[in-house]
Amino acid sequence: MKLFKKKEPQTVEVKGHSLVCPICSNNLFITKDVRVHKGLLSIEWSKTFVCSECTYVFWFWS
């Protein structure tokens, strides 16, 4: 039994454009939500897409 399933890489579209890695030209990414601390009490969430081949990270503010 697996408690934590590994996410399958998927294609991603941002504002009508397919995301392609600028490093390795891969088009499959793993999506992750990341907490960003912007000060003492300020926390925001960001969405990241990690290339499934070279692990290049795209950051998008929500």
PDB file of N, CA and C in Angstrom:
ATOM      1  N   MET A   1       0.842  -1.189   0.000  1.00  0.00           N
ATOM      2  CA  MET A   1       0.000   0.000   0.000  1.00  0.00           C
ATOM      3  C   MET A   1       0.883   1.248   0.000  1.00  0.00           C
ATOM      4  N   LYS A   2       0.625   2.133  -0.931  1.00  0.00           N
ATOM      5  CA  LYS A   2       1.383   3.378  -1.003  1.00  0.00           C
ATOM      6  C   LYS A   2       0.583   4.494  -0.338  1.00  0.00           C
ATOM      7  N   LEU A   3       1.214   5.166   0.617  1.00  0.00           N
ATOM      8  CA  LEU A   3       0.538   6.287   1.267  1.00  0.00           C
ATOM      9  C   LEU A   3       0.619   7.554   0.434  1.00  0.00           C
ATOM     10  N   PHE A   4       1.741   7.730  -0.241  1.00  0.00           N
ATOM     11  CA  PHE A   4       1.936   8.929  -1.044  1.00  0.00           C
ATOM     12  C   PHE A   4       2.174   8.513  -2.486  1.00  0.00           C
ATOM     13  N   LYS A   5       1.185   8.758  -3.333  1.00  0.00           N
ATOM     14  CA  LYS A   5       1.336   8.416  -4.734  1.00  0.00           C
ATOM     15  C   LYS A   5       2.209   9.455  -5.426  1.00  0.00           C
ATOM     16  N   LYS A   6       3.099   9.000  -6.259  1.00  0.00           N
ATOM     17  CA  LYS A   6       3.920   9.906  -7.051  1.00  0.00           C
ATOM     18  C   LYS A   6       3.047  10.501  -8.147  1.00  0.00           C
ATOM     19  N   LYS A   7       3.127  11.822  -8.302  1.00  0.00           N
ATOM     20  CA  LYS A   7       2.332  12.487  -9.330  1.00  0.00           C
ATOM     21  C   LYS A   7       2.890  12.170 -10.707  1.00  0.00           C
ATOM     22  N   GLU A   8       2.002  11.916 -11.632  1.00  0.00           N
ATOM     23  CA  GLU A   8       2.403  11.651 -13.017  1.00  0.00           C
ATOM     24  C   GLU A   8       2.625  12.982 -13.739  1.00  0.00           C
ATOM     25  N   PRO A   9       3.689  13.105 -14.506  1.00  0.00           N
ATOM     26  CA  PRO A   9       3.920  14.331 -15.284  1.00  0.00           C
ATOM     27  C   PRO A   9       2.806  14.544 -16.306  1.00  0.00           C
ATOM     28  N   GLN A  10       2.451  15.809 -16.512  1.00  0.00           N
ATOM     29  CA  GLN A  10       1.392  16.169 -17.450  1.00  0.00           C
ATOM     30  C   GLN A  10       1.823  17.359 -18.287  1.00  0.00           C
ATOM     31  N   THR A  11       1.146  17.541 -19.413  1.00  0.00           N
ATOM     32  CA  THR A  11       1.360  18.757 -20.195  1.00  0.00           C
ATOM     33  C   THR A  11       0.663  19.897 -19.468  1.00  0.00           C
ATOM     34  N   VAL A  12       1.178  21.101 -19.643  1.00  0.00           N
ATOM     35  CA  VAL A  12       0.645  22.273 -18.952  1.00  0.00           C
ATOM     36  C   VAL A  12       0.380  23.371 -19.968  1.00  0.00           C
ATOM     37  N   GLU A  13      -0.740  24.060 -19.791  1.00  0.00           N
ATOM     38  CA  GLU A  13      -1.072  25.194 -20.643  1.00  0.00           C
ATOM     39  C   GLU A  13      -1.238  26.425 -19.760  1.00  0.00           C
ATOM     40  N   VAL A  14      -0.558  27.527 -20.132  1.00  0.00           N
ATOM     41  CA  VAL A  14      -0.633  28.780 -19.386  1.00  0.00           C
ATOM     42  C   VAL A  14      -1.086  29.866 -20.341  1.00  0.00           C
ATOM     43  N   LYS A  15      -2.241  30.450 -20.048  1.00  0.00           N
ATOM     44  CA  LYS A  15      -2.828  31.514 -20.880  1.00  0.00           C
ATOM     45  C   LYS A  15      -2.879  31.130 -22.351  1.00  0.00           C
ATOM     46  N   GLY A  16      -3.266  29.884 -22.625  1.00  0.00           N
ATOM     47  CA  GLY A  16      -3.445  29.426 -23.992  1.00  0.00           C
ATOM     48  C   GLY A  16      -2.188  28.946 -24.692  1.00  0.00           C
ATOM     49  N   HIS A  17      -1.067  28.912 -23.987  1.00  0.00           N
ATOM     50  CA  HIS A  17       0.199  28.473 -24.577  1.00  0.00           C
ATOM     51  C   HIS A  17       0.709  27.229 -23.854  1.00  0.00           C
ATOM     52  N   SER A  18       1.169  26.248 -24.624  1.00  0.00           N
ATOM     53  CA  SER A  18       1.744  25.044 -24.022  1.00  0.00           C
ATOM     54  C   SER A  18       3.103  25.372 -23.424  1.00  0.00           C
ATOM     55  N   LEU A  19       3.329  24.900 -22.218  1.00  0.00           N
ATOM     56  CA  LEU A  19       4.590  25.131 -21.531  1.00  0.00           C
ATOM     57  C   LEU A  19       5.633  24.140 -22.053  1.00  0.00           C
ATOM     58  N   VAL A  20       6.820  24.669 -22.394  1.00  0.00           N
ATOM     59  CA  VAL A  20       7.934  23.843 -22.868  1.00  0.00           C
ATOM     60  C   VAL A  20       9.172  24.279 -22.102  1.00  0.00           C
ATOM     61  N   CYS A  21       9.915  23.320 -21.612  1.00  0.00           N
ATOM     62  CA  CYS A  21      11.122  23.617 -20.846  1.00  0.00           C
ATOM     63  C   CYS A  21      12.168  24.283 -21.743  1.00  0.00           C
ATOM     64  N   PRO A  22      12.728  25.441 -21.330  1.00  0.00           N
ATOM     65  CA  PRO A  22      13.746  26.113 -22.142  1.00  0.00           C
ATOM     66  C   PRO A  22      15.112  25.415 -22.092  1.00  0.00           C
ATOM     67  N   ILE A  23      15.292  24.497 -21.161  1.00  0.00           N
ATOM     68  CA  ILE A  23      16.573  23.810 -21.021  1.00  0.00           C
ATOM     69  C   ILE A  23      16.641  22.555 -21.887  1.00  0.00           C
ATOM     70  N   CYS A  24      15.593  21.689 -21.778  1.00  0.00           N
ATOM     71  CA  CYS A  24      15.652  20.394 -22.464  1.00  0.00           C
ATOM     72  C   CYS A  24      14.523  20.174 -23.481  1.00  0.00           C
ATOM     73  N   SER A  25      13.651  21.153 -23.664  1.00  0.00           N
ATOM     74  CA  SER A  25      12.531  21.107 -24.624  1.00  0.00           C
ATOM     75  C   SER A  25      11.467  20.063 -24.277  1.00  0.00           C
ATOM     76  N   ASN A  26      11.461  19.583 -23.043  1.00  0.00           N
ATOM     77  CA  ASN A  26      10.439  18.644 -22.579  1.00  0.00           C
ATOM     78  C   ASN A  26       9.117  19.385 -22.385  1.00  0.00           C
ATOM     79  N   ASN A  27       7.993  18.675 -22.528  1.00  0.00           N
ATOM     80  CA  ASN A  27       6.695  19.318 -22.319  1.00  0.00           C
ATOM     81  C   ASN A  27       5.870  18.628 -21.226  1.00  0.00           C
ATOM     82  N   LEU A  28       6.512  17.827 -20.367  1.00  0.00           N
ATOM     83  CA  LEU A  28       5.818  17.164 -19.268  1.00  0.00           C
ATOM     84  C   LEU A  28       6.328  17.710 -17.933  1.00  0.00           C
ATOM     85  N   PHE A  29       5.376  18.083 -17.061  1.00  0.00           N
ATOM     86  CA  PHE A  29       5.720  18.746 -15.807  1.00  0.00           C
ATOM     87  C   PHE A  29       4.940  18.154 -14.646  1.00  0.00           C
ATOM     88  N   ILE A  30       5.516  18.271 -13.449  1.00  0.00           N
ATOM     89  CA  ILE A  30       4.840  17.900 -12.214  1.00  0.00           C
ATOM     90  C   ILE A  30       4.456  19.205 -11.519  1.00  0.00           C
ATOM     91  N   THR A  31       3.195  19.322 -11.121  1.00  0.00           N
ATOM     92  CA  THR A  31       2.677  20.532 -10.490  1.00  0.00           C
ATOM     93  C   THR A  31       2.851  20.462  -8.978  1.00  0.00           C
ATOM     94  N   LYS A  32       3.322  21.567  -8.402  1.00  0.00           N
ATOM     95  CA  LYS A  32       3.462  21.652  -6.949  1.00  0.00           C
ATOM     96  C   LYS A  32       3.011  23.029  -6.486  1.00  0.00           C
ATOM     97  N   ASP A  33       2.311  23.064  -5.344  1.00  0.00           N
ATOM     98  CA  ASP A  33       1.953  24.327  -4.707  1.00  0.00           C
ATOM     99  C   ASP A  33       2.987  24.594  -3.617  1.00  0.00           C
ATOM    100  N   VAL A  34       3.494  25.839  -3.577  1.00  0.00           N
ATOM    101  CA  VAL A  34       4.597  26.176  -2.675  1.00  0.00           C
ATOM    102  C   VAL A  34       4.209  27.393  -1.841  1.00  0.00           C
ATOM    103  N   ARG A  35       4.517  27.341  -0.535  1.00  0.00           N
ATOM    104  CA  ARG A  35       4.312  28.502   0.331  1.00  0.00           C
ATOM    105  C   ARG A  35       5.497  29.441   0.198  1.00  0.00           C
ATOM    106  N   VAL A  36       5.197  30.733   0.070  1.00  0.00           N
ATOM    107  CA  VAL A  36       6.251  31.746  -0.043  1.00  0.00           C
ATOM    108  C   VAL A  36       6.074  32.724   1.114  1.00  0.00           C
ATOM    109  N   HIS A  37       7.109  32.865   1.928  1.00  0.00           N
ATOM    110  CA  HIS A  37       7.071  33.797   3.050  1.00  0.00           C
ATOM    111  C   HIS A  37       7.566  35.149   2.544  1.00  0.00           C
ATOM    112  N   LYS A  38       6.687  36.177   2.651  1.00  0.00           N
ATOM    113  CA  LYS A  38       7.044  37.502   2.139  1.00  0.00           C
ATOM    114  C   LYS A  38       7.308  38.493   3.262  1.00  0.00           C
ATOM    115  N   GLY A  39       7.376  38.033   4.452  1.00  0.00           N
ATOM    116  CA  GLY A  39       7.631  38.909   5.584  1.00  0.00           C
ATOM    117  C   GLY A  39       7.360  38.153   6.861  1.00  0.00           C
ATOM    118  N   LEU A  40       7.294  38.880   7.948  1.00  0.00           N
ATOM    119  CA  LEU A  40       7.124  38.240   9.239  1.00  0.00           C
ATOM    120  C   LEU A  40       5.812  37.459   9.329  1.00  0.00           C
ATOM    121  N   LEU A  41       4.722  38.059   8.900  1.00  0.00           N
ATOM    122  CA  LEU A  41       3.416  37.414   9.018  1.00  0.00           C
ATOM    123  C   LEU A  41       2.734  37.183   7.680  1.00  0.00           C
ATOM    124  N   SER A  42       3.395  37.503   6.599  1.00  0.00           N
ATOM    125  CA  SER A  42       2.790  37.413   5.277  1.00  0.00           C
ATOM    126  C   SER A  42       3.205  36.127   4.558  1.00  0.00           C
ATOM    127  N   ILE A  43       2.221  35.300   4.231  1.00  0.00           N
ATOM    128  CA  ILE A  43       2.470  34.065   3.495  1.00  0.00           C
ATOM    129  C   ILE A  43       1.569  34.047   2.268  1.00  0.00           C
ATOM    130  N   GLU A  44       2.134  33.726   1.129  1.00  0.00           N
ATOM    131  CA  GLU A  44       1.366  33.587  -0.103  1.00  0.00           C
ATOM    132  C   GLU A  44       1.646  32.219  -0.701  1.00  0.00           C
ATOM    133  N   TRP A  45       0.783  31.816  -1.622  1.00  0.00           N
ATOM    134  CA  TRP A  45       0.965  30.540  -2.307  1.00  0.00           C
ATOM    135  C   TRP A  45       1.357  30.791  -3.746  1.00  0.00           C
ATOM    136  N   SER A  46       2.233  29.965  -4.241  1.00  0.00           N
ATOM    137  CA  SER A  46       2.686  30.038  -5.620  1.00  0.00           C
ATOM    138  C   SER A  46       2.525  28.658  -6.239  1.00  0.00           C
ATOM    139  N   LYS A  47       2.278  28.621  -7.533  1.00  0.00           N
ATOM    140  CA  LYS A  47       2.177  27.358  -8.251  1.00  0.00           C
ATOM    141  C   LYS A  47       3.456  27.176  -9.042  1.00  0.00           C
ATOM    142  N   THR A  48       4.058  26.002  -8.922  1.00  0.00           N
ATOM    143  CA  THR A  48       5.268  25.714  -9.678  1.00  0.00           C
ATOM    144  C   THR A  48       5.042  24.502 -10.570  1.00  0.00           C
ATOM    145  N   PHE A  49       5.746  24.503 -11.680  1.00  0.00           N
ATOM    146  CA  PHE A  49       5.741  23.371 -12.598  1.00  0.00           C
ATOM    147  C   PHE A  49       7.192  22.926 -12.751  1.00  0.00           C
ATOM    148  N   VAL A  50       7.462  21.684 -12.384  1.00  0.00           N
ATOM    149  CA  VAL A  50       8.815  21.144 -12.400  1.00  0.00           C
ATOM    150  C   VAL A  50       8.960  20.212 -13.599  1.00  0.00           C
ATOM    151  N   CYS A  51       9.938  20.491 -14.451  1.00  0.00           N
ATOM    152  CA  CYS A  51      10.186  19.656 -15.623  1.00  0.00           C
ATOM    153  C   CYS A  51      10.496  18.226 -15.181  1.00  0.00           C
ATOM    154  N   SER A  52       9.840  17.260 -15.796  1.00  0.00           N
ATOM    155  CA  SER A  52      10.031  15.860 -15.407  1.00  0.00           C
ATOM    156  C   SER A  52      11.366  15.284 -15.891  1.00  0.00           C
ATOM    157  N   GLU A  53      12.065  15.993 -16.766  1.00  0.00           N
ATOM    158  CA  GLU A  53      13.364  15.513 -17.274  1.00  0.00           C
ATOM    159  C   GLU A  53      14.542  16.154 -16.545  1.00  0.00           C
ATOM    160  N   CYS A  54      14.631  17.481 -16.567  1.00  0.00           N
ATOM    161  CA  CYS A  54      15.820  18.157 -16.024  1.00  0.00           C
ATOM    162  C   CYS A  54      15.557  18.874 -14.697  1.00  0.00           C
ATOM    163  N   THR A  55      14.328  18.887 -14.215  1.00  0.00           N
ATOM    164  CA  THR A  55      13.866  19.510 -12.964  1.00  0.00           C
ATOM    165  C   THR A  55      13.936  21.039 -12.957  1.00  0.00           C
ATOM    166  N   TYR A  56      13.978  21.658 -14.132  1.00  0.00           N
ATOM    167  CA  TYR A  56      13.870  23.117 -14.207  1.00  0.00           C
ATOM    168  C   TYR A  56      12.515  23.516 -13.627  1.00  0.00           C
ATOM    169  N   VAL A  57      12.468  24.626 -12.864  1.00  0.00           N
ATOM    170  CA  VAL A  57      11.241  25.024 -12.179  1.00  0.00           C
ATOM    171  C   VAL A  57      10.691  26.323 -12.751  1.00  0.00           C
ATOM    172  N   PHE A  58       9.403  26.309 -13.107  1.00  0.00           N
ATOM    173  CA  PHE A  58       8.665  27.511 -13.485  1.00  0.00           C
ATOM    174  C   PHE A  58       7.846  27.938 -12.274  1.00  0.00           C
ATOM    175  N   TRP A  59       7.902  29.239 -11.898  1.00  0.00           N
ATOM    176  CA  TRP A  59       7.119  29.767 -10.792  1.00  0.00           C
ATOM    177  C   TRP A  59       6.052  30.690 -11.337  1.00  0.00           C
ATOM    178  N   PHE A  60       4.823  30.528 -10.848  1.00  0.00           N
ATOM    179  CA  PHE A  60       3.721  31.408 -11.220  1.00  0.00           C
ATOM    180  C   PHE A  60       3.008  31.863  -9.952  1.00  0.00           C
ATOM    181  N   TRP A  61       2.867  33.169  -9.790  1.00  0.00           N
ATOM    182  CA  TRP A  61       2.123  33.699  -8.628  1.00  0.00           C
ATOM    183  C   TRP A  61       0.647  33.562  -8.900  1.00  0.00           C
ATOM    184  N   SER A  62      -0.100  33.210  -7.850  1.00  0.00           N
ATOM    185  CA  SER A  62      -1.543  33.072  -8.028  1.00  0.00           C
ATOM    186  C   SER A  62      -2.243  34.406  -7.901  1.00  0.00           C
TER     187      SER A  62
END
